[in-house]
Amino acid sequence: MVPFPLLDTTSLVTKAKANYSLREASALKQVQKSDLPVLYFHGNSDDFVPTRMTRELYEHTNKAQIRIFENSGHGEAFAIYRDEYIHSLNQFIDQHLK
């Protein structure tokens, strides 16, 4: 059984339409090219995307901030730490977009 058939199917579509598969795509290469500010949110209990991957992106992004949330899995930080999450987001917006 394929663990994530949706990703494999999507990869076939990107290969057909854009001439690259998801396995060829590199977030790391892309953030290194960007001069836009990036705010990374990550839960340290994420078992889908390891925290080390987000830290690596952060370390290679020109203008970046990172916020790691304790005891939250993939996509759970907002639900568990709503006020802190919103506060961090608003600070980032105030600093970079206003």
PDB file of N, CA and C in Angstrom:
ATOM      1  N   MET A   1       0.837  -1.192   0.000  1.00  0.00           N
ATOM      2  CA  MET A   1       0.000   0.000   0.000  1.00  0.00           C
ATOM      3  C   MET A   1       0.875   1.246   0.000  1.00  0.00           C
ATOM      4  N   VAL A   2       0.566   2.187  -0.844  1.00  0.00           N
ATOM      5  CA  VAL A   2       1.300   3.443  -0.927  1.00  0.00           C
ATOM      6  C   VAL A   2       0.804   4.358   0.189  1.00  0.00           C
ATOM      7  N   PRO A   3       1.721   4.893   1.018  1.00  0.00           N
ATOM      8  CA  PRO A   3       1.276   5.687   2.161  1.00  0.00           C
ATOM      9  C   PRO A   3       0.564   6.977   1.783  1.00  0.00           C
ATOM     10  N   PHE A   4       0.968   7.625   0.720  1.00  0.00           N
ATOM     11  CA  PHE A   4       0.356   8.887   0.333  1.00  0.00           C
ATOM     12  C   PHE A   4       0.033   8.883  -1.160  1.00  0.00           C
ATOM     13  N   PRO A   5      -1.004   8.150  -1.589  1.00  0.00           N
ATOM     14  CA  PRO A   5      -1.298   8.071  -3.022  1.00  0.00           C
ATOM     15  C   PRO A   5      -1.629   9.429  -3.627  1.00  0.00           C
ATOM     16  N   LEU A   6      -2.150  10.343  -2.837  1.00  0.00           N
ATOM     17  CA  LEU A   6      -2.473  11.662  -3.366  1.00  0.00           C
ATOM     18  C   LEU A   6      -1.201  12.384  -3.827  1.00  0.00           C
ATOM     19  N   LEU A   7      -0.127  12.261  -3.054  1.00  0.00           N
ATOM     20  CA  LEU A   7       1.135  12.898  -3.437  1.00  0.00           C
ATOM     21  C   LEU A   7       1.692  12.292  -4.715  1.00  0.00           C
ATOM     22  N   ASP A   8       1.620  10.988  -4.825  1.00  0.00           N
ATOM     23  CA  ASP A   8       2.114  10.329  -6.039  1.00  0.00           C
ATOM     24  C   ASP A   8       1.302  10.742  -7.260  1.00  0.00           C
ATOM     25  N   THR A   9      -0.003  10.812  -7.120  1.00  0.00           N
ATOM     26  CA  THR A   9      -0.877  11.227  -8.220  1.00  0.00           C
ATOM     27  C   THR A   9      -0.614  12.680  -8.595  1.00  0.00           C
ATOM     28  N   THR A  10      -0.489  13.534  -7.596  1.00  0.00           N
ATOM     29  CA  THR A  10      -0.203  14.943  -7.853  1.00  0.00           C
ATOM     30  C   THR A  10       1.134  15.097  -8.557  1.00  0.00           C
ATOM     31  N   SER A  11       2.103  14.295  -8.156  1.00  0.00           N
ATOM     32  CA  SER A  11       3.418  14.344  -8.780  1.00  0.00           C
ATOM     33  C   SER A  11       3.339  13.986 -10.264  1.00  0.00           C
ATOM     34  N   LEU A  12       2.519  13.003 -10.609  1.00  0.00           N
ATOM     35  CA  LEU A  12       2.331  12.654 -12.019  1.00  0.00           C
ATOM     36  C   LEU A  12       1.734  13.825 -12.795  1.00  0.00           C
ATOM     37  N   VAL A  13       0.795  14.515 -12.187  1.00  0.00           N
ATOM     38  CA  VAL A  13       0.164  15.660 -12.848  1.00  0.00           C
ATOM     39  C   VAL A  13       1.176  16.789 -13.040  1.00  0.00           C
ATOM     40  N   THR A  14       1.974  17.095 -12.015  1.00  0.00           N
ATOM     41  CA  THR A  14       2.968  18.158 -12.175  1.00  0.00           C
ATOM     42  C   THR A  14       4.010  17.787 -13.225  1.00  0.00           C
ATOM     43  N   LYS A  15       4.352  16.516 -13.299  1.00  0.00           N
ATOM     44  CA  LYS A  15       5.313  16.075 -14.322  1.00  0.00           C
ATOM     45  C   LYS A  15       4.733  16.279 -15.722  1.00  0.00           C
ATOM     46  N   ALA A  16       3.464  15.937 -15.889  1.00  0.00           N
ATOM     47  CA  ALA A  16       2.817  16.073 -17.195  1.00  0.00           C
ATOM     48  C   ALA A  16       2.594  17.534 -17.584  1.00  0.00           C
ATOM     49  N   LYS A  17       2.204  18.360 -16.617  1.00  0.00           N
ATOM     50  CA  LYS A  17       1.832  19.744 -16.943  1.00  0.00           C
ATOM     51  C   LYS A  17       2.976  20.749 -16.805  1.00  0.00           C
ATOM     52  N   ALA A  18       3.896  20.495 -15.871  1.00  0.00           N
ATOM     53  CA  ALA A  18       4.957  21.479 -15.618  1.00  0.00           C
ATOM     54  C   ALA A  18       6.361  20.902 -15.814  1.00  0.00           C
ATOM     55  N   ASN A  19       6.431  19.644 -16.186  1.00  0.00           N
ATOM     56  CA  ASN A  19       7.682  18.969 -16.485  1.00  0.00           C
ATOM     57  C   ASN A  19       8.612  18.792 -15.274  1.00  0.00           C
ATOM     58  N   TYR A  20       8.030  18.643 -14.088  1.00  0.00           N
ATOM     59  CA  TYR A  20       8.823  18.262 -12.919  1.00  0.00           C
ATOM     60  C   TYR A  20       7.945  17.449 -11.977  1.00  0.00           C
ATOM     61  N   SER A  21       8.564  16.520 -11.284  1.00  0.00           N
ATOM     62  CA  SER A  21       7.827  15.735 -10.293  1.00  0.00           C
ATOM     63  C   SER A  21       8.024  16.373  -8.926  1.00  0.00           C
ATOM     64  N   LEU A  22       7.186  16.012  -7.962  1.00  0.00           N
ATOM     65  CA  LEU A  22       7.338  16.558  -6.622  1.00  0.00           C
ATOM     66  C   LEU A  22       8.654  16.129  -5.986  1.00  0.00           C
ATOM     67  N   ARG A  23       9.174  14.990  -6.394  1.00  0.00           N
ATOM     68  CA  ARG A  23      10.477  14.543  -5.866  1.00  0.00           C
ATOM     69  C   ARG A  23      11.619  15.430  -6.366  1.00  0.00           C
ATOM     70  N   GLU A  24      11.408  16.085  -7.494  1.00  0.00           N
ATOM     71  CA  GLU A  24      12.431  16.979  -8.046  1.00  0.00           C
ATOM     72  C   GLU A  24      12.342  18.382  -7.449  1.00  0.00           C
ATOM     73  N   ALA A  25      11.189  18.750  -6.936  1.00  0.00           N
ATOM     74  CA  ALA A  25      10.991  20.091  -6.383  1.00  0.00           C
ATOM     75  C   ALA A  25      11.819  20.254  -5.117  1.00  0.00           C
ATOM     76  N   SER A  26      12.409  21.424  -4.931  1.00  0.00           N
ATOM     77  CA  SER A  26      13.239  21.673  -3.759  1.00  0.00           C
ATOM     78  C   SER A  26      12.849  22.987  -3.103  1.00  0.00           C
ATOM     79  N   ALA A  27      12.194  22.893  -1.969  1.00  0.00           N
ATOM     80  CA  ALA A  27      11.860  24.098  -1.209  1.00  0.00           C
ATOM     81  C   ALA A  27      13.137  24.817  -0.790  1.00  0.00           C
ATOM     82  N   LEU A  28      14.159  24.069  -0.444  1.00  0.00           N
ATOM     83  CA  LEU A  28      15.425  24.656  -0.009  1.00  0.00           C
ATOM     84  C   LEU A  28      16.034  25.540  -1.101  1.00  0.00           C
ATOM     85  N   LYS A  29      16.057  25.046  -2.322  1.00  0.00           N
ATOM     86  CA  LYS A  29      16.599  25.847  -3.426  1.00  0.00           C
ATOM     87  C   LYS A  29      15.775  27.110  -3.656  1.00  0.00           C
ATOM     88  N   GLN A  30      14.477  26.993  -3.496  1.00  0.00           N
ATOM     89  CA  GLN A  30      13.609  28.134  -3.756  1.00  0.00           C
ATOM     90  C   GLN A  30      13.738  29.220  -2.691  1.00  0.00           C
ATOM     91  N   VAL A  31      13.802  28.841  -1.413  1.00  0.00           N
ATOM     92  CA  VAL A  31      13.925  29.867  -0.373  1.00  0.00           C
ATOM     93  C   VAL A  31      15.272  30.572  -0.451  1.00  0.00           C
ATOM     94  N   GLN A  32      16.290  29.888  -0.939  1.00  0.00           N
ATOM     95  CA  GLN A  32      17.598  30.519  -1.084  1.00  0.00           C
ATOM     96  C   GLN A  32      17.575  31.630  -2.130  1.00  0.00           C
ATOM     97  N   LYS A  33      16.664  31.557  -3.069  1.00  0.00           N
ATOM     98  CA  LYS A  33      16.548  32.561  -4.127  1.00  0.00           C
ATOM     99  C   LYS A  33      15.726  33.775  -3.701  1.00  0.00           C
ATOM    100  N   SER A  34      14.912  33.628  -2.678  1.00  0.00           N
ATOM    101  CA  SER A  34      13.940  34.656  -2.327  1.00  0.00           C
ATOM    102  C   SER A  34      14.514  35.726  -1.397  1.00  0.00           C
ATOM    103  N   ASP A  35      14.089  36.953  -1.644  1.00  0.00           N
ATOM    104  CA  ASP A  35      14.407  38.052  -0.739  1.00  0.00           C
ATOM    105  C   ASP A  35      13.184  38.477   0.065  1.00  0.00           C
ATOM    106  N   LEU A  36      12.095  37.760  -0.095  1.00  0.00           N
ATOM    107  CA  LEU A  36      10.880  38.080   0.653  1.00  0.00           C
ATOM    108  C   LEU A  36      10.987  37.535   2.072  1.00  0.00           C
ATOM    109  N   PRO A  37      10.432  38.236   3.054  1.00  0.00           N
ATOM    110  CA  PRO A  37      10.439  37.714   4.420  1.00  0.00           C
ATOM    111  C   PRO A  37       9.517  36.504   4.541  1.00  0.00           C
ATOM    112  N   VAL A  38       9.963  35.520   5.323  1.00  0.00           N
ATOM    113  CA  VAL A  38       9.202  34.286   5.510  1.00  0.00           C
ATOM    114  C   VAL A  38       9.087  34.021   7.005  1.00  0.00           C
ATOM    115  N   LEU A  39       7.892  33.675   7.441  1.00  0.00           N
ATOM    116  CA  LEU A  39       7.647  33.283   8.824  1.00  0.00           C
ATOM    117  C   LEU A  39       7.316  31.798   8.827  1.00  0.00           C
ATOM    118  N   TYR A  40       8.140  31.024   9.521  1.00  0.00           N
ATOM    119  CA  TYR A  40       7.922  29.590   9.625  1.00  0.00           C
ATOM    120  C   TYR A  40       7.265  29.275  10.960  1.00  0.00           C
ATOM    121  N   PHE A  41       6.150  28.562  10.915  1.00  0.00           N
ATOM    122  CA  PHE A  41       5.503  28.006  12.102  1.00  0.00           C
ATOM    123  C   PHE A  41       5.672  26.498  12.039  1.00  0.00           C
ATOM    124  N   HIS A  42       6.010  25.897  13.178  1.00  0.00           N
ATOM    125  CA  HIS A  42       6.177  24.446  13.178  1.00  0.00           C
ATOM    126  C   HIS A  42       5.906  23.888  14.566  1.00  0.00           C
ATOM    127  N   GLY A  43       5.301  22.717  14.604  1.00  0.00           N
ATOM    128  CA  GLY A  43       5.094  22.011  15.864  1.00  0.00           C
ATOM    129  C   GLY A  43       6.222  21.026  16.087  1.00  0.00           C
ATOM    130  N   ASN A  44       6.771  20.989  17.301  1.00  0.00           N
ATOM    131  CA  ASN A  44       7.915  20.106  17.529  1.00  0.00           C
ATOM    132  C   ASN A  44       7.520  18.639  17.661  1.00  0.00           C
ATOM    133  N   SER A  45       6.227  18.351  17.625  1.00  0.00           N
ATOM    134  CA  SER A  45       5.762  16.961  17.647  1.00  0.00           C
ATOM    135  C   SER A  45       5.240  16.518  16.287  1.00  0.00           C
ATOM    136  N   ASP A  46       5.575  17.266  15.255  1.00  0.00           N
ATOM    137  CA  ASP A  46       5.139  16.954  13.890  1.00  0.00           C
ATOM    138  C   ASP A  46       5.813  15.669  13.420  1.00  0.00           C
ATOM    139  N   ASP A  47       5.012  14.669  13.080  1.00  0.00           N
ATOM    140  CA  ASP A  47       5.584  13.418  12.581  1.00  0.00           C
ATOM    141  C   ASP A  47       5.375  13.266  11.070  1.00  0.00           C
ATOM    142  N   PHE A  48       4.899  14.327  10.421  1.00  0.00           N
ATOM    143  CA  PHE A  48       4.741  14.332   8.966  1.00  0.00           C
ATOM    144  C   PHE A  48       5.904  15.085   8.317  1.00  0.00           C
ATOM    145  N   VAL A  49       6.182  16.276   8.837  1.00  0.00           N
ATOM    146  CA  VAL A  49       7.326  17.068   8.393  1.00  0.00           C
ATOM    147  C   VAL A  49       8.222  17.269   9.618  1.00  0.00           C
ATOM    148  N   PRO A  50       9.380  16.633   9.652  1.00  0.00           N
ATOM    149  CA  PRO A  50      10.249  16.770  10.822  1.00  0.00           C
ATOM    150  C   PRO A  50      10.680  18.221  11.062  1.00  0.00           C
ATOM    151  N   THR A  51      10.786  18.593  12.310  1.00  0.00           N
ATOM    152  CA  THR A  51      11.174  19.955  12.682  1.00  0.00           C
ATOM    153  C   THR A  51      12.521  20.326  12.073  1.00  0.00           C
ATOM    154  N   ARG A  52      13.426  19.372  11.955  1.00  0.00           N
ATOM    155  CA  ARG A  52      14.747  19.654  11.387  1.00  0.00           C
ATOM    156  C   ARG A  52      14.638  20.199   9.963  1.00  0.00           C
ATOM    157  N   MET A  53      13.610  19.796   9.228  1.00  0.00           N
ATOM    158  CA  MET A  53      13.437  20.281   7.856  1.00  0.00           C
ATOM    159  C   MET A  53      13.061  21.764   7.849  1.00  0.00           C
ATOM    160  N   THR A  54      12.202  22.154   8.775  1.00  0.00           N
ATOM    161  CA  THR A  54      11.825  23.562   8.868  1.00  0.00           C
ATOM    162  C   THR A  54      13.007  24.398   9.337  1.00  0.00           C
ATOM    163  N   ARG A  55      13.769  23.870  10.289  1.00  0.00           N
ATOM    164  CA  ARG A  55      14.967  24.587  10.754  1.00  0.00           C
ATOM    165  C   ARG A  55      15.963  24.774   9.598  1.00  0.00           C
ATOM    166  N   GLU A  56      16.101  23.761   8.760  1.00  0.00           N
ATOM    167  CA  GLU A  56      17.006  23.868   7.618  1.00  0.00           C
ATOM    168  C   GLU A  56      16.526  24.940   6.639  1.00  0.00           C
ATOM    169  N   LEU A  57      15.228  24.974   6.369  1.00  0.00           N
ATOM    170  CA  LEU A  57      14.693  26.028   5.506  1.00  0.00           C
ATOM    171  C   LEU A  57      14.961  27.400   6.114  1.00  0.00           C
ATOM    172  N   TYR A  58      14.677  27.522   7.397  1.00  0.00           N
ATOM    173  CA  TYR A  58      14.888  28.785   8.117  1.00  0.00           C
ATOM    174  C   TYR A  58      16.342  29.241   7.996  1.00  0.00           C
ATOM    175  N   GLU A  59      17.280  28.333   8.201  1.00  0.00           N
ATOM    176  CA  GLU A  59      18.702  28.670   8.167  1.00  0.00           C
ATOM    177  C   GLU A  59      19.173  29.093   6.775  1.00  0.00           C
ATOM    178  N   HIS A  60      18.429  28.716   5.741  1.00  0.00           N
ATOM    179  CA  HIS A  60      18.827  29.053   4.376  1.00  0.00           C
ATOM    180  C   HIS A  60      17.940  30.121   3.730  1.00  0.00           C
ATOM    181  N   THR A  61      17.072  30.723   4.511  1.00  0.00           N
ATOM    182  CA  THR A  61      16.197  31.775   4.002  1.00  0.00           C
ATOM    183  C   THR A  61      16.807  33.128   4.348  1.00  0.00           C
ATOM    184  N   ASN A  62      16.862  34.029   3.378  1.00  0.00           N
ATOM    185  CA  ASN A  62      17.504  35.328   3.575  1.00  0.00           C
ATOM    186  C   ASN A  62      16.883  36.152   4.699  1.00  0.00           C
ATOM    187  N   LYS A  63      15.589  36.284   4.691  1.00  0.00           N
ATOM    188  CA  LYS A  63      14.866  37.075   5.701  1.00  0.00           C
ATOM    189  C   LYS A  63      13.818  36.173   6.322  1.00  0.00           C
ATOM    190  N   ALA A  64      14.125  35.612   7.478  1.00  0.00           N
ATOM    191  CA  ALA A  64      13.192  34.633   8.046  1.00  0.00           C
ATOM    192  C   ALA A  64      13.091  34.749   9.553  1.00  0.00           C
ATOM    193  N   GLN A  65      11.931  34.340  10.023  1.00  0.00           N
ATOM    194  CA  GLN A  65      11.691  34.148  11.451  1.00  0.00           C
ATOM    195  C   GLN A  65      11.092  32.762  11.599  1.00  0.00           C
ATOM    196  N   ILE A  66      11.306  32.157  12.757  1.00  0.00           N
ATOM    197  CA  ILE A  66      10.771  30.817  12.997  1.00  0.00           C
ATOM    198  C   ILE A  66      10.127  30.788  14.373  1.00  0.00           C
ATOM    199  N   ARG A  67       9.029  30.089  14.461  1.00  0.00           N
ATOM    200  CA  ARG A  67       8.328  29.903  15.739  1.00  0.00           C
ATOM    201  C   ARG A  67       8.005  28.422  15.855  1.00  0.00           C
ATOM    202  N   ILE A  68       8.620  27.756  16.823  1.00  0.00           N
ATOM    203  CA  ILE A  68       8.397  26.338  17.069  1.00  0.00           C
ATOM    204  C   ILE A  68       7.453  26.213  18.259  1.00  0.00           C
ATOM    205  N   PHE A  69       6.376  25.463  18.090  1.00  0.00           N
ATOM    206  CA  PHE A  69       5.381  25.289  19.148  1.00  0.00           C
ATOM    207  C   PHE A  69       5.545  23.919  19.797  1.00  0.00           C
ATOM    208  N   GLU A  70       5.621  23.919  21.113  1.00  0.00           N
ATOM    209  CA  GLU A  70       5.789  22.689  21.886  1.00  0.00           C
ATOM    210  C   GLU A  70       4.550  21.795  21.788  1.00  0.00           C
ATOM    211  N   ASN A  71       4.789  20.503  21.780  1.00  0.00           N
ATOM    212  CA  ASN A  71       3.722  19.493  21.868  1.00  0.00           C
ATOM    213  C   ASN A  71       2.599  19.679  20.859  1.00  0.00           C
ATOM    214  N   SER A  72       2.945  20.099  19.652  1.00  0.00           N
ATOM    215  CA  SER A  72       1.919  20.205  18.611  1.00  0.00           C
ATOM    216  C   SER A  72       2.415  19.501  17.355  1.00  0.00           C
ATOM    217  N   GLY A  73       1.520  18.728  16.773  1.00  0.00           N
ATOM    218  CA  GLY A  73       1.825  17.987  15.568  1.00  0.00           C
ATOM    219  C   GLY A  73       1.588  18.813  14.329  1.00  0.00           C
ATOM    220  N   HIS A  74       1.553  18.142  13.196  1.00  0.00           N
ATOM    221  CA  HIS A  74       1.403  18.800  11.902  1.00  0.00           C
ATOM    222  C   HIS A  74       0.067  19.552  11.837  1.00  0.00           C
ATOM    223  N   GLY A  75       0.150  20.861  11.676  1.00  0.00           N
ATOM    224  CA  GLY A  75      -1.042  21.683  11.538  1.00  0.00           C
ATOM    225  C   GLY A  75      -1.820  21.909  12.819  1.00  0.00           C
ATOM    226  N   GLU A  76      -1.276  21.569  13.967  1.00  0.00           N
ATOM    227  CA  GLU A  76      -2.003  21.706  15.234  1.00  0.00           C
ATOM    228  C   GLU A  76      -1.677  22.983  16.001  1.00  0.00           C
ATOM    229  N   ALA A  77      -0.613  23.661  15.648  1.00  0.00           N
ATOM    230  CA  ALA A  77      -0.152  24.810  16.434  1.00  0.00           C
ATOM    231  C   ALA A  77      -1.234  25.876  16.582  1.00  0.00           C
ATOM    232  N   PHE A  78      -1.941  26.177  15.524  1.00  0.00           N
ATOM    233  CA  PHE A  78      -2.966  27.216  15.610  1.00  0.00           C
ATOM    234  C   PHE A  78      -4.073  26.820  16.573  1.00  0.00           C
ATOM    235  N   ALA A  79      -4.484  25.565  16.535  1.00  0.00           N
ATOM    236  CA  ALA A  79      -5.569  25.101  17.414  1.00  0.00           C
ATOM    237  C   ALA A  79      -5.138  25.081  18.879  1.00  0.00           C
ATOM    238  N   ILE A  80      -3.893  24.721  19.135  1.00  0.00           N
ATOM    239  CA  ILE A  80      -3.422  24.587  20.513  1.00  0.00           C
ATOM    240  C   ILE A  80      -2.937  25.915  21.089  1.00  0.00           C
ATOM    241  N   TYR A  81      -2.271  26.709  20.268  1.00  0.00           N
ATOM    242  CA  TYR A  81      -1.648  27.958  20.724  1.00  0.00           C
ATOM    243  C   TYR A  81      -2.205  29.158  19.966  1.00  0.00           C
ATOM    244  N   ARG A  82      -3.489  29.207  19.830  1.00  0.00           N
ATOM    245  CA  ARG A  82      -4.145  30.227  19.004  1.00  0.00           C
ATOM    246  C   ARG A  82      -3.656  31.648  19.289  1.00  0.00           C
ATOM    247  N   ASP A  83      -3.686  32.068  20.548  1.00  0.00           N
ATOM    248  CA  ASP A  83      -3.311  33.446  20.880  1.00  0.00           C
ATOM    249  C   ASP A  83      -1.844  33.726  20.566  1.00  0.00           C
ATOM    250  N   GLU A  84      -0.957  32.817  20.922  1.00  0.00           N
ATOM    251  CA  GLU A  84       0.473  32.997  20.641  1.00  0.00           C
ATOM    252  C   GLU A  84       0.740  32.997  19.140  1.00  0.00           C
ATOM    253  N   TYR A  85       0.050  32.123  18.434  1.00  0.00           N
ATOM    254  CA  TYR A  85       0.195  32.021  16.984  1.00  0.00           C
ATOM    255  C   TYR A  85      -0.206  33.348  16.328  1.00  0.00           C
ATOM    256  N   ILE A  86      -1.382  33.841  16.696  1.00  0.00           N
ATOM    257  CA  ILE A  86      -1.879  35.100  16.123  1.00  0.00           C
ATOM    258  C   ILE A  86      -0.961  36.255  16.493  1.00  0.00           C
ATOM    259  N   HIS A  87      -0.493  36.281  17.730  1.00  0.00           N
ATOM    260  CA  HIS A  87       0.425  37.336  18.162  1.00  0.00           C
ATOM    261  C   HIS A  87       1.707  37.320  17.319  1.00  0.00           C
ATOM    262  N   SER A  88       2.293  36.150  17.124  1.00  0.00           N
ATOM    263  CA  SER A  88       3.507  36.030  16.311  1.00  0.00           C
ATOM    264  C   SER A  88       3.253  36.466  14.876  1.00  0.00           C
ATOM    265  N   LEU A  89       2.124  36.065  14.330  1.00  0.00           N
ATOM    266  CA  LEU A  89       1.772  36.439  12.962  1.00  0.00           C
ATOM    267  C   LEU A  89       1.592  37.951  12.840  1.00  0.00           C
ATOM    268  N   ASN A  90       0.884  38.557  13.793  1.00  0.00           N
ATOM    269  CA  ASN A  90       0.678  40.007  13.754  1.00  0.00           C
ATOM    270  C   ASN A  90       1.988  40.775  13.891  1.00  0.00           C
ATOM    271  N   GLN A  91       2.884  40.306  14.742  1.00  0.00           N
ATOM    272  CA  GLN A  91       4.197  40.945  14.873  1.00  0.00           C
ATOM    273  C   GLN A  91       4.956  40.901  13.549  1.00  0.00           C
ATOM    274  N   PHE A  92       4.919  39.755  12.905  1.00  0.00           N
ATOM    275  CA  PHE A  92       5.602  39.580  11.621  1.00  0.00           C
ATOM    276  C   PHE A  92       5.010  40.518  10.576  1.00  0.00           C
ATOM    277  N   ILE A  93       3.706  40.574  10.509  1.00  0.00           N
ATOM    278  CA  ILE A  93       3.026  41.459   9.558  1.00  0.00           C
ATOM    279  C   ILE A  93       3.385  42.922   9.829  1.00  0.00           C
ATOM    280  N   ASP A  94       3.333  43.315  11.107  1.00  0.00           N
ATOM    281  CA  ASP A  94       3.673  44.695  11.455  1.00  0.00           C
ATOM    282  C   ASP A  94       5.110  45.030  11.072  1.00  0.00           C
ATOM    283  N   GLN A  95       6.005  44.091  11.260  1.00  0.00           N
ATOM    284  CA  GLN A  95       7.420  44.321  10.977  1.00  0.00           C
ATOM    285  C   GLN A  95       7.712  44.367   9.474  1.00  0.00           C
ATOM    286  N   HIS A  96       7.039  43.557   8.686  1.00  0.00           N
ATOM    287  CA  HIS A  96       7.430  43.406   7.277  1.00  0.00           C
ATOM    288  C   HIS A  96       6.428  43.916   6.240  1.00  0.00           C
ATOM    289  N   LEU A  97       5.186  44.059   6.619  1.00  0.00           N
ATOM    290  CA  LEU A  97       4.199  44.348   5.582  1.00  0.00           C
ATOM    291  C   LEU A  97       3.460  45.669   5.746  1.00  0.00           C
ATOM    292  N   LYS A  98       3.698  46.370   6.820  1.00  0.00           N
ATOM    293  CA  LYS A  98       2.990  47.644   6.991  1.00  0.00           C
ATOM    294  C   LYS A  98       3.895  48.813   6.718  1.00  0.00           C
TER     295      LYS A  98
END
